[in-house]
Amino acid sequence: IEYIQSYYYNKVEYARFSSSLGKFVGFTQYGLKQADYWNSDTSQLAQLNAQKETYCHNNIGIDYQAA
């Protein structure tokens, strides 16, 4: 299970948080700068990693029952 939070501008994804990597990844020049800035904030990274536990793991049973 992976938690992904993507950021878009003008329909172009410029940055993404991936729980499997545990950090932000940039896709454009602006996104690379933002990812470096966001990755320097360890409290934000911990919060987003915790969202995988609170959101994904609690809903996994519901998704498998629906399938």
Protein backbone atom coordinates (compact mmCIF):
# COMPACT_ATOMS: atom_id res chain seq x y z
CA ILE A 1 0.00 0.00 0.00
CA GLU A 2 1.30 3.42 -0.94
CA TYR A 3 0.01 6.87 -0.01
CA ILE A 4 0.58 9.45 -2.76
CA GLN A 5 -0.18 13.16 -2.57
CA SER A 6 0.33 14.96 -5.88
CA TYR A 7 0.61 18.69 -6.61
CA TYR A 8 -0.48 20.11 -9.97
CA TYR A 9 -0.34 23.48 -11.70
CA ASN A 10 -1.95 24.00 -15.13
CA LYS A 11 -2.66 20.25 -15.37
CA VAL A 12 1.04 19.42 -14.97
CA GLU A 13 2.23 17.47 -11.93
CA TYR A 14 5.18 19.33 -10.47
CA ALA A 15 5.71 17.46 -7.18
CA ARG A 16 4.55 14.36 -5.33
CA PHE A 17 4.83 12.86 -1.87
CA SER A 18 5.25 9.10 -1.95
CA SER A 19 5.03 7.09 1.26
CA SER A 20 7.15 4.29 -0.23
CA LEU A 21 10.02 6.78 -0.63
CA GLY A 22 9.09 8.74 2.49
CA LYS A 23 9.82 12.06 0.82
CA PHE A 24 8.75 14.53 -1.85
CA VAL A 25 9.89 14.17 -5.44
CA GLY A 26 9.91 17.02 -7.96
CA PHE A 27 9.17 16.66 -11.68
CA THR A 28 9.72 20.21 -12.93
CA GLN A 29 12.34 22.81 -12.09
CA TYR A 30 9.92 24.51 -9.70
CA GLY A 31 8.89 21.12 -8.28
CA LEU A 32 12.49 20.17 -7.54
CA LYS A 33 12.98 23.35 -5.53
CA GLN A 34 9.72 22.83 -3.64
CA ALA A 35 10.55 19.17 -2.95
CA ASP A 36 13.92 20.15 -1.47
CA TYR A 37 12.24 22.73 0.74
CA TRP A 38 9.47 20.36 1.85
CA ASN A 39 11.91 17.51 2.50
CA SER A 40 13.83 19.73 4.92
CA ASP A 41 10.76 19.86 7.20
CA THR A 42 10.90 16.54 9.08
CA SER A 43 7.67 17.18 10.96
CA GLN A 44 5.73 17.48 7.70
CA LEU A 45 7.30 14.26 6.40
CA ALA A 46 6.35 12.43 9.61
CA GLN A 47 2.79 13.73 9.36
CA LEU A 48 2.38 12.55 5.77
CA ASN A 49 3.90 9.16 6.57
CA ALA A 50 1.41 8.83 9.43
CA GLN A 51 -1.45 9.53 7.02
CA LYS A 52 -0.67 6.23 5.34
CA GLU A 53 -1.35 4.48 8.63
CA THR A 54 -4.52 6.45 9.44
CA TYR A 55 -6.11 6.52 6.01
CA CYS A 56 -4.85 3.57 3.97
CA HIS A 57 -4.62 0.84 6.59
CA ASN A 58 -8.04 1.65 8.07
CA ASN A 59 -9.75 1.47 4.66
CA ILE A 60 -8.00 -1.55 3.21
CA GLY A 61 -10.63 -3.94 4.56
CA ILE A 62 -13.43 -1.90 3.01
CA ASP A 63 -11.76 -1.90 -0.41
CA TYR A 64 -11.20 -5.67 -0.39
CA GLN A 65 -14.80 -6.35 0.67
CA ALA A 66 -16.10 -4.19 -2.18
CA ALA A 67 -14.04 -6.13 -4.73
